[in-house]
Amino acid sequence: MSGVLEGIRVLDFTTAMAGPAASMLLGDFGAEVIKVEPPDGESSRRWGSARFGEAADTSGLFLALNRNKASITLDLKSDEGAAAVED
């Protein structure tokens, strides 16, 4: 689906609720949103009791707030992780 933000790429470094909700809306309007998570994943993956996915380790809240996003894990403290963000 196309939207008014089609062609815009957003890197999402946010956690919890407000940031993921804002970047979710950008994705809803057509932006390409790439969620960047730490190596152990964003903490909201484990919030609440409903779990989904192969290992049943992802909360429904996380899935709802991160729709329309691609996701990668990077160690931003490493040279490789920092270089990946620059690229």
PDB file of N, CA and C in Angstrom:
ATOM      1  N   MET A   1       0.840  -1.173   0.000  1.00  0.00           N
ATOM      2  CA  MET A   1       0.000   0.000   0.000  1.00  0.00           C
ATOM      3  C   MET A   1       0.889   1.241   0.000  1.00  0.00           C
ATOM      4  N   SER A   2       0.545   2.213  -0.806  1.00  0.00           N
ATOM      5  CA  SER A   2       1.319   3.446  -0.831  1.00  0.00           C
ATOM      6  C   SER A   2       0.712   4.453   0.139  1.00  0.00           C
ATOM      7  N   GLY A   3       1.491   5.426   0.494  1.00  0.00           N
ATOM      8  CA  GLY A   3       1.025   6.457   1.412  1.00  0.00           C
ATOM      9  C   GLY A   3       1.786   7.747   1.181  1.00  0.00           C
ATOM     10  N   VAL A   4       1.418   8.766   1.914  1.00  0.00           N
ATOM     11  CA  VAL A   4       2.029  10.080   1.730  1.00  0.00           C
ATOM     12  C   VAL A   4       3.512  10.096   2.094  1.00  0.00           C
ATOM     13  N   LEU A   5       3.954   9.139   2.912  1.00  0.00           N
ATOM     14  CA  LEU A   5       5.370   9.091   3.303  1.00  0.00           C
ATOM     15  C   LEU A   5       6.159   8.035   2.528  1.00  0.00           C
ATOM     16  N   GLU A   6       5.582   7.517   1.462  1.00  0.00           N
ATOM     17  CA  GLU A   6       6.276   6.521   0.643  1.00  0.00           C
ATOM     18  C   GLU A   6       7.597   7.090   0.151  1.00  0.00           C
ATOM     19  N   GLY A   7       8.665   6.303   0.259  1.00  0.00           N
ATOM     20  CA  GLY A   7       9.991   6.751  -0.144  1.00  0.00           C
ATOM     21  C   GLY A   7      10.815   7.314   1.002  1.00  0.00           C
ATOM     22  N   ILE A   8      10.210   7.456   2.168  1.00  0.00           N
ATOM     23  CA  ILE A   8      10.910   7.949   3.356  1.00  0.00           C
ATOM     24  C   ILE A   8      11.336   6.747   4.199  1.00  0.00           C
ATOM     25  N   ARG A   9      12.583   6.727   4.636  1.00  0.00           N
ATOM     26  CA  ARG A   9      13.080   5.654   5.514  1.00  0.00           C
ATOM     27  C   ARG A   9      13.304   6.236   6.908  1.00  0.00           C
ATOM     28  N   VAL A  10      12.793   5.537   7.921  1.00  0.00           N
ATOM     29  CA  VAL A  10      12.901   5.962   9.312  1.00  0.00           C
ATOM     30  C   VAL A  10      13.600   4.860  10.097  1.00  0.00           C
ATOM     31  N   LEU A  11      14.627   5.231  10.853  1.00  0.00           N
ATOM     32  CA  LEU A  11      15.235   4.294  11.794  1.00  0.00           C
ATOM     33  C   LEU A  11      14.598   4.540  13.149  1.00  0.00           C
ATOM     34  N   ASP A  12      14.029   3.500  13.729  1.00  0.00           N
ATOM     35  CA  ASP A  12      13.299   3.599  14.991  1.00  0.00           C
ATOM     36  C   ASP A  12      14.144   3.003  16.111  1.00  0.00           C
ATOM     37  N   PHE A  13      14.668   3.866  16.973  1.00  0.00           N
ATOM     38  CA  PHE A  13      15.472   3.439  18.118  1.00  0.00           C
ATOM     39  C   PHE A  13      14.659   3.500  19.411  1.00  0.00           C
ATOM     40  N   THR A  14      13.357   3.711  19.309  1.00  0.00           N
ATOM     41  CA  THR A  14      12.520   3.950  20.483  1.00  0.00           C
ATOM     42  C   THR A  14      12.146   2.658  21.197  1.00  0.00           C
ATOM     43  N   THR A  15      11.719   2.818  22.455  1.00  0.00           N
ATOM     44  CA  THR A  15      11.254   1.687  23.249  1.00  0.00           C
ATOM     45  C   THR A  15       9.981   2.093  23.982  1.00  0.00           C
ATOM     46  N   ALA A  16       9.360   1.114  24.606  1.00  0.00           N
ATOM     47  CA  ALA A  16       8.179   1.304  25.451  1.00  0.00           C
ATOM     48  C   ALA A  16       6.952   1.586  24.603  1.00  0.00           C
ATOM     49  N   MET A  17       6.279   2.738  24.779  1.00  0.00           N
ATOM     50  CA  MET A  17       4.995   2.955  24.121  1.00  0.00           C
ATOM     51  C   MET A  17       4.959   4.172  23.190  1.00  0.00           C
ATOM     52  N   ALA A  18       5.331   5.338  23.680  1.00  0.00           N
ATOM     53  CA  ALA A  18       5.139   6.559  22.894  1.00  0.00           C
ATOM     54  C   ALA A  18       5.934   6.534  21.589  1.00  0.00           C
ATOM     55  N   GLY A  19       7.209   6.208  21.657  1.00  0.00           N
ATOM     56  CA  GLY A  19       8.047   6.185  20.456  1.00  0.00           C
ATOM     57  C   GLY A  19       7.595   5.140  19.451  1.00  0.00           C
ATOM     58  N   PRO A  20       7.402   3.876  19.881  1.00  0.00           N
ATOM     59  CA  PRO A  20       6.921   2.872  18.930  1.00  0.00           C
ATOM     60  C   PRO A  20       5.559   3.222  18.323  1.00  0.00           C
ATOM     61  N   ALA A  21       4.676   3.867  19.112  1.00  0.00           N
ATOM     62  CA  ALA A  21       3.378   4.264  18.570  1.00  0.00           C
ATOM     63  C   ALA A  21       3.549   5.338  17.498  1.00  0.00           C
ATOM     64  N   ALA A  22       4.445   6.288  17.729  1.00  0.00           N
ATOM     65  CA  ALA A  22       4.687   7.348  16.751  1.00  0.00           C
ATOM     66  C   ALA A  22       5.276   6.783  15.458  1.00  0.00           C
ATOM     67  N   SER A  23       6.266   5.906  15.584  1.00  0.00           N
ATOM     68  CA  SER A  23       6.872   5.349  14.368  1.00  0.00           C
ATOM     69  C   SER A  23       5.920   4.377  13.675  1.00  0.00           C
ATOM     70  N   MET A  24       5.010   3.746  14.425  1.00  0.00           N
ATOM     71  CA  MET A  24       3.982   2.901  13.830  1.00  0.00           C
ATOM     72  C   MET A  24       3.111   3.745  12.895  1.00  0.00           C
ATOM     73  N   LEU A  25       2.751   4.940  13.345  1.00  0.00           N
ATOM     74  CA  LEU A  25       1.930   5.821  12.510  1.00  0.00           C
ATOM     75  C   LEU A  25       2.676   6.243  11.248  1.00  0.00           C
ATOM     76  N   LEU A  26       3.987   6.473  11.369  1.00  0.00           N
ATOM     77  CA  LEU A  26       4.777   6.800  10.177  1.00  0.00           C
ATOM     78  C   LEU A  26       4.718   5.648   9.178  1.00  0.00           C
ATOM     79  N   GLY A  27       4.818   4.421   9.686  1.00  0.00           N
ATOM     80  CA  GLY A  27       4.683   3.250   8.820  1.00  0.00           C
ATOM     81  C   GLY A  27       3.294   3.138   8.223  1.00  0.00           C
ATOM     82  N   ASP A  28       2.273   3.450   9.007  1.00  0.00           N
ATOM     83  CA  ASP A  28       0.900   3.424   8.499  1.00  0.00           C
ATOM     84  C   ASP A  28       0.719   4.386   7.326  1.00  0.00           C
ATOM     85  N   PHE A  29       1.458   5.485   7.338  1.00  0.00           N
ATOM     86  CA  PHE A  29       1.370   6.478   6.269  1.00  0.00           C
ATOM     87  C   PHE A  29       2.367   6.218   5.139  1.00  0.00           C
ATOM     88  N   GLY A  30       3.009   5.054   5.131  1.00  0.00           N
ATOM     89  CA  GLY A  30       3.811   4.641   3.993  1.00  0.00           C
ATOM     90  C   GLY A  30       5.308   4.705   4.149  1.00  0.00           C
ATOM     91  N   ALA A  31       5.817   5.232   5.266  1.00  0.00           N
ATOM     92  CA  ALA A  31       7.272   5.269   5.453  1.00  0.00           C
ATOM     93  C   ALA A  31       7.816   3.855   5.649  1.00  0.00           C
ATOM     94  N   GLU A  32       9.042   3.637   5.223  1.00  0.00           N
ATOM     95  CA  GLU A  32       9.744   2.390   5.517  1.00  0.00           C
ATOM     96  C   GLU A  32      10.361   2.572   6.902  1.00  0.00           C
ATOM     97  N   VAL A  33       9.869   1.836   7.891  1.00  0.00           N
ATOM     98  CA  VAL A  33      10.350   1.970   9.256  1.00  0.00           C
ATOM     99  C   VAL A  33      11.180   0.742   9.609  1.00  0.00           C
ATOM    100  N   ILE A  34      12.404   0.973  10.057  1.00  0.00           N
ATOM    101  CA  ILE A  34      13.295  -0.104  10.479  1.00  0.00           C
ATOM    102  C   ILE A  34      13.518   0.041  11.980  1.00  0.00           C
ATOM    103  N   LYS A  35      13.010  -0.913  12.734  1.00  0.00           N
ATOM    104  CA  LYS A  35      13.168  -0.899  14.185  1.00  0.00           C
ATOM    105  C   LYS A  35      14.537  -1.480  14.516  1.00  0.00           C
ATOM    106  N   VAL A  36      15.327  -0.731  15.266  1.00  0.00           N
ATOM    107  CA  VAL A  36      16.662  -1.168  15.667  1.00  0.00           C
ATOM    108  C   VAL A  36      16.595  -1.553  17.146  1.00  0.00           C
ATOM    109  N   GLU A  37      16.815  -2.840  17.417  1.00  0.00           N
ATOM    110  CA  GLU A  37      16.731  -3.345  18.785  1.00  0.00           C
ATOM    111  C   GLU A  37      18.109  -3.758  19.287  1.00  0.00           C
ATOM    112  N   PRO A  38      18.301  -3.711  20.609  1.00  0.00           N
ATOM    113  CA  PRO A  38      19.560  -4.212  21.175  1.00  0.00           C
ATOM    114  C   PRO A  38      19.638  -5.727  20.999  1.00  0.00           C
ATOM    115  N   PRO A  39      20.820  -6.311  21.186  1.00  0.00           N
ATOM    116  CA  PRO A  39      20.986  -7.751  20.966  1.00  0.00           C
ATOM    117  C   PRO A  39      19.997  -8.637  21.732  1.00  0.00           C
ATOM    118  N   ASP A  40      19.567  -8.213  22.910  1.00  0.00           N
ATOM    119  CA  ASP A  40      18.614  -9.042  23.658  1.00  0.00           C
ATOM    120  C   ASP A  40      17.159  -8.657  23.379  1.00  0.00           C
ATOM    121  N   GLY A  41      16.914  -7.797  22.424  1.00  0.00           N
ATOM    122  CA  GLY A  41      15.568  -7.396  22.046  1.00  0.00           C
ATOM    123  C   GLY A  41      15.034  -6.285  22.928  1.00  0.00           C
ATOM    124  N   GLU A  42      14.029  -5.591  22.423  1.00  0.00           N
ATOM    125  CA  GLU A  42      13.404  -4.526  23.198  1.00  0.00           C
ATOM    126  C   GLU A  42      12.640  -5.131  24.367  1.00  0.00           C
ATOM    127  N   SER A  43      12.671  -4.453  25.514  1.00  0.00           N
ATOM    128  CA  SER A  43      12.048  -4.991  26.724  1.00  0.00           C
ATOM    129  C   SER A  43      10.541  -5.186  26.590  1.00  0.00           C
ATOM    130  N   SER A  44       9.871  -4.392  25.760  1.00  0.00           N
ATOM    131  CA  SER A  44       8.415  -4.534  25.651  1.00  0.00           C
ATOM    132  C   SER A  44       7.999  -5.831  24.963  1.00  0.00           C
ATOM    133  N   ARG A  45       8.943  -6.556  24.361  1.00  0.00           N
ATOM    134  CA  ARG A  45       8.628  -7.889  23.824  1.00  0.00           C
ATOM    135  C   ARG A  45       8.115  -8.811  24.931  1.00  0.00           C
ATOM    136  N   ARG A  46       8.503  -8.514  26.178  1.00  0.00           N
ATOM    137  CA  ARG A  46       8.174  -9.396  27.295  1.00  0.00           C
ATOM    138  C   ARG A  46       7.073  -8.833  28.200  1.00  0.00           C
ATOM    139  N   TRP A  47       6.454  -7.724  27.818  1.00  0.00           N
ATOM    140  CA  TRP A  47       5.401  -7.120  28.642  1.00  0.00           C
ATOM    141  C   TRP A  47       4.086  -7.854  28.459  1.00  0.00           C
ATOM    142  N   GLY A  48       3.305  -7.974  29.517  1.00  0.00           N
ATOM    143  CA  GLY A  48       1.981  -8.584  29.443  1.00  0.00           C
ATOM    144  C   GLY A  48       2.030 -10.092  29.433  1.00  0.00           C
ATOM    145  N   SER A  49       0.856 -10.697  29.386  1.00  0.00           N
ATOM    146  CA  SER A  49       0.790 -12.154  29.491  1.00  0.00           C
ATOM    147  C   SER A  49       0.591 -12.853  28.148  1.00  0.00           C
ATOM    148  N   ALA A  50       0.030 -12.184  27.149  1.00  0.00           N
ATOM    149  CA  ALA A  50      -0.191 -12.821  25.845  1.00  0.00           C
ATOM    150  C   ALA A  50       1.118 -12.909  25.086  1.00  0.00           C
ATOM    151  N   ARG A  51       1.444 -14.104  24.604  1.00  0.00           N
ATOM    152  CA  ARG A  51       2.695 -14.317  23.883  1.00  0.00           C
ATOM    153  C   ARG A  51       2.411 -14.960  22.530  1.00  0.00           C
ATOM    154  N   PHE A  52       3.208 -14.580  21.531  1.00  0.00           N
ATOM    155  CA  PHE A  52       3.035 -15.093  20.185  1.00  0.00           C
ATOM    156  C   PHE A  52       4.403 -15.398  19.594  1.00  0.00           C
ATOM    157  N   GLY A  53       4.414 -16.107  18.490  1.00  0.00           N
ATOM    158  CA  GLY A  53       5.659 -16.401  17.802  1.00  0.00           C
ATOM    159  C   GLY A  53       6.146 -17.796  18.121  1.00  0.00           C
ATOM    160  N   GLU A  54       7.201 -18.192  17.421  1.00  0.00           N
ATOM    161  CA  GLU A  54       7.735 -19.547  17.554  1.00  0.00           C
ATOM    162  C   GLU A  54       8.108 -19.885  18.983  1.00  0.00           C
ATOM    163  N   ALA A  55       8.818 -18.991  19.635  1.00  0.00           N
ATOM    164  CA  ALA A  55       9.260 -19.271  21.008  1.00  0.00           C
ATOM    165  C   ALA A  55       8.288 -18.700  22.031  1.00  0.00           C
ATOM    166  N   ALA A  56       7.151 -18.187  21.564  1.00  0.00           N
ATOM    167  CA  ALA A  56       6.147 -17.569  22.431  1.00  0.00           C
ATOM    168  C   ALA A  56       6.794 -16.541  23.353  1.00  0.00           C
ATOM    169  N   ASP A  57       7.681 -15.718  22.781  1.00  0.00           N
ATOM    170  CA  ASP A  57       8.394 -14.726  23.588  1.00  0.00           C
ATOM    171  C   ASP A  57       8.058 -13.291  23.200  1.00  0.00           C
ATOM    172  N   THR A  58       7.063 -13.117  22.347  1.00  0.00           N
ATOM    173  CA  THR A  58       6.723 -11.784  21.886  1.00  0.00           C
ATOM    174  C   THR A  58       5.317 -11.419  22.330  1.00  0.00           C
ATOM    175  N   SER A  59       5.194 -10.291  23.013  1.00  0.00           N
ATOM    176  CA  SER A  59       3.893  -9.880  23.540  1.00  0.00           C
ATOM    177  C   SER A  59       3.005  -9.303  22.446  1.00  0.00           C
ATOM    178  N   GLY A  60       1.709  -9.386  22.687  1.00  0.00           N
ATOM    179  CA  GLY A  60       0.750  -8.793  21.769  1.00  0.00           C
ATOM    180  C   GLY A  60       0.921  -7.288  21.673  1.00  0.00           C
ATOM    181  N   LEU A  61       1.261  -6.654  22.779  1.00  0.00           N
ATOM    182  CA  LEU A  61       1.488  -5.206  22.791  1.00  0.00           C
ATOM    183  C   LEU A  61       2.644  -4.837  21.855  1.00  0.00           C
ATOM    184  N   PHE A  62       3.734  -5.587  21.944  1.00  0.00           N
ATOM    185  CA  PHE A  62       4.878  -5.332  21.067  1.00  0.00           C
ATOM    186  C   PHE A  62       4.465  -5.474  19.606  1.00  0.00           C
ATOM    187  N   LEU A  63       3.736  -6.531  19.291  1.00  0.00           N
ATOM    188  CA  LEU A  63       3.313  -6.751  17.912  1.00  0.00           C
ATOM    189  C   LEU A  63       2.407  -5.631  17.417  1.00  0.00           C
ATOM    190  N   ALA A  64       1.503  -5.170  18.270  1.00  0.00           N
ATOM    191  CA  ALA A  64       0.585  -4.107  17.874  1.00  0.00           C
ATOM    192  C   ALA A  64       1.323  -2.798  17.600  1.00  0.00           C
ATOM    193  N   LEU A  65       2.276  -2.458  18.460  1.00  0.00           N
ATOM    194  CA  LEU A  65       2.985  -1.182  18.323  1.00  0.00           C
ATOM    195  C   LEU A  65       4.073  -1.196  17.251  1.00  0.00           C
ATOM    196  N   ASN A  66       4.409  -2.366  16.755  1.00  0.00           N
ATOM    197  CA  ASN A  66       5.505  -2.453  15.794  1.00  0.00           C
ATOM    198  C   ASN A  66       5.072  -3.026  14.456  1.00  0.00           C
ATOM    199  N   ARG A  67       3.782  -2.868  14.143  1.00  0.00           N
ATOM    200  CA  ARG A  67       3.304  -3.299  12.819  1.00  0.00           C
ATOM    201  C   ARG A  67       3.925  -2.382  11.768  1.00  0.00           C
ATOM    202  N   ASN A  68       3.979  -2.872  10.557  1.00  0.00           N
ATOM    203  CA  ASN A  68       4.517  -2.104   9.418  1.00  0.00           C
ATOM    204  C   ASN A  68       5.988  -1.741   9.591  1.00  0.00           C
ATOM    205  N   LYS A  69       6.733  -2.530  10.362  1.00  0.00           N
ATOM    206  CA  LYS A  69       8.154  -2.239  10.565  1.00  0.00           C
ATOM    207  C   LYS A  69       8.996  -3.468  10.246  1.00  0.00           C
ATOM    208  N   ALA A  70      10.155  -3.229   9.680  1.00  0.00           N
ATOM    209  CA  ALA A  70      11.177  -4.268   9.611  1.00  0.00           C
ATOM    210  C   ALA A  70      11.951  -4.163  10.919  1.00  0.00           C
ATOM    211  N   SER A  71      12.626  -5.215  11.328  1.00  0.00           N
ATOM    212  CA  SER A  71      13.332  -5.185  12.600  1.00  0.00           C
ATOM    213  C   SER A  71      14.717  -5.791  12.457  1.00  0.00           C
ATOM    214  N   ILE A  72      15.698  -5.122  13.064  1.00  0.00           N
ATOM    215  CA  ILE A  72      17.052  -5.660  13.115  1.00  0.00           C
ATOM    216  C   ILE A  72      17.572  -5.507  14.540  1.00  0.00           C
ATOM    217  N   THR A  73      18.528  -6.340  14.884  1.00  0.00           N
ATOM    218  CA  THR A  73      19.206  -6.182  16.169  1.00  0.00           C
ATOM    219  C   THR A  73      20.633  -5.742  15.896  1.00  0.00           C
ATOM    220  N   LEU A  74      21.074  -4.729  16.640  1.00  0.00           N
ATOM    221  CA  LEU A  74      22.430  -4.213  16.506  1.00  0.00           C
ATOM    222  C   LEU A  74      22.967  -3.873  17.884  1.00  0.00           C
ATOM    223  N   ASP A  75      24.238  -4.125  18.071  1.00  0.00           N
ATOM    224  CA  ASP A  75      24.923  -3.671  19.277  1.00  0.00           C
ATOM    225  C   ASP A  75      25.505  -2.299  18.947  1.00  0.00           C
ATOM    226  N   LEU A  76      24.817  -1.258  19.360  1.00  0.00           N
ATOM    227  CA  LEU A  76      25.227   0.097  19.008  1.00  0.00           C
ATOM    228  C   LEU A  76      26.507   0.534  19.707  1.00  0.00           C
ATOM    229  N   LYS A  77      26.952  -0.243  20.697  1.00  0.00           N
ATOM    230  CA  LYS A  77      28.211   0.065  21.381  1.00  0.00           C
ATOM    231  C   LYS A  77      29.413  -0.490  20.637  1.00  0.00           C
ATOM    232  N   SER A  78      29.152  -1.323  19.630  1.00  0.00           N
ATOM    233  CA  SER A  78      30.256  -1.899  18.859  1.00  0.00           C
ATOM    234  C   SER A  78      30.504  -1.052  17.605  1.00  0.00           C
ATOM    235  N   ASP A  79      31.713  -1.135  17.087  1.00  0.00           N
ATOM    236  CA  ASP A  79      32.055  -0.417  15.858  1.00  0.00           C
ATOM    237  C   ASP A  79      31.198  -0.904  14.692  1.00  0.00           C
ATOM    238  N   GLU A  80      30.956  -2.208  14.632  1.00  0.00           N
ATOM    239  CA  GLU A  80      30.153  -2.785  13.547  1.00  0.00           C
ATOM    240  C   GLU A  80      28.709  -2.273  13.602  1.00  0.00           C
ATOM    241  N   GLY A  81      28.131  -2.233  14.794  1.00  0.00           N
ATOM    242  CA  GLY A  81      26.763  -1.757  14.952  1.00  0.00           C
ATOM    243  C   GLY A  81      26.632  -0.293  14.584  1.00  0.00           C
ATOM    244  N   ALA A  82      27.580   0.517  15.023  1.00  0.00           N
ATOM    245  CA  ALA A  82      27.569   1.936  14.687  1.00  0.00           C
ATOM    246  C   ALA A  82      27.724   2.152  13.184  1.00  0.00           C
ATOM    247  N   ALA A  83      28.577   1.359  12.547  1.00  0.00           N
ATOM    248  CA  ALA A  83      28.775   1.474  11.105  1.00  0.00           C
ATOM    249  C   ALA A  83      27.514   1.060  10.339  1.00  0.00           C
ATOM    250  N   ALA A  84      26.808   0.061  10.837  1.00  0.00           N
ATOM    251  CA  ALA A  84      25.567  -0.380  10.197  1.00  0.00           C
ATOM    252  C   ALA A  84      24.516   0.743  10.215  1.00  0.00           C
ATOM    253  N   VAL A  85      24.443   1.467  11.321  1.00  0.00           N
ATOM    254  CA  VAL A  85      23.502   2.590  11.413  1.00  0.00           C
ATOM    255  C   VAL A  85      23.885   3.674  10.421  1.00  0.00           C
ATOM    256  N   GLU A  86      25.161   3.947  10.311  1.00  0.00           N
ATOM    257  CA  GLU A  86      25.630   4.972   9.360  1.00  0.00           C
ATOM    258  C   GLU A  86      25.255   4.609   7.931  1.00  0.00           C
ATOM    259  N   ASP A  87      25.366   3.308   7.604  1.00  0.00           N
ATOM    260  CA  ASP A  87      25.023   2.852   6.238  1.00  0.00           C
ATOM    261  C   ASP A  87      23.549   3.027   5.992  1.00  0.00           C
TER     262      ASP A  87
END
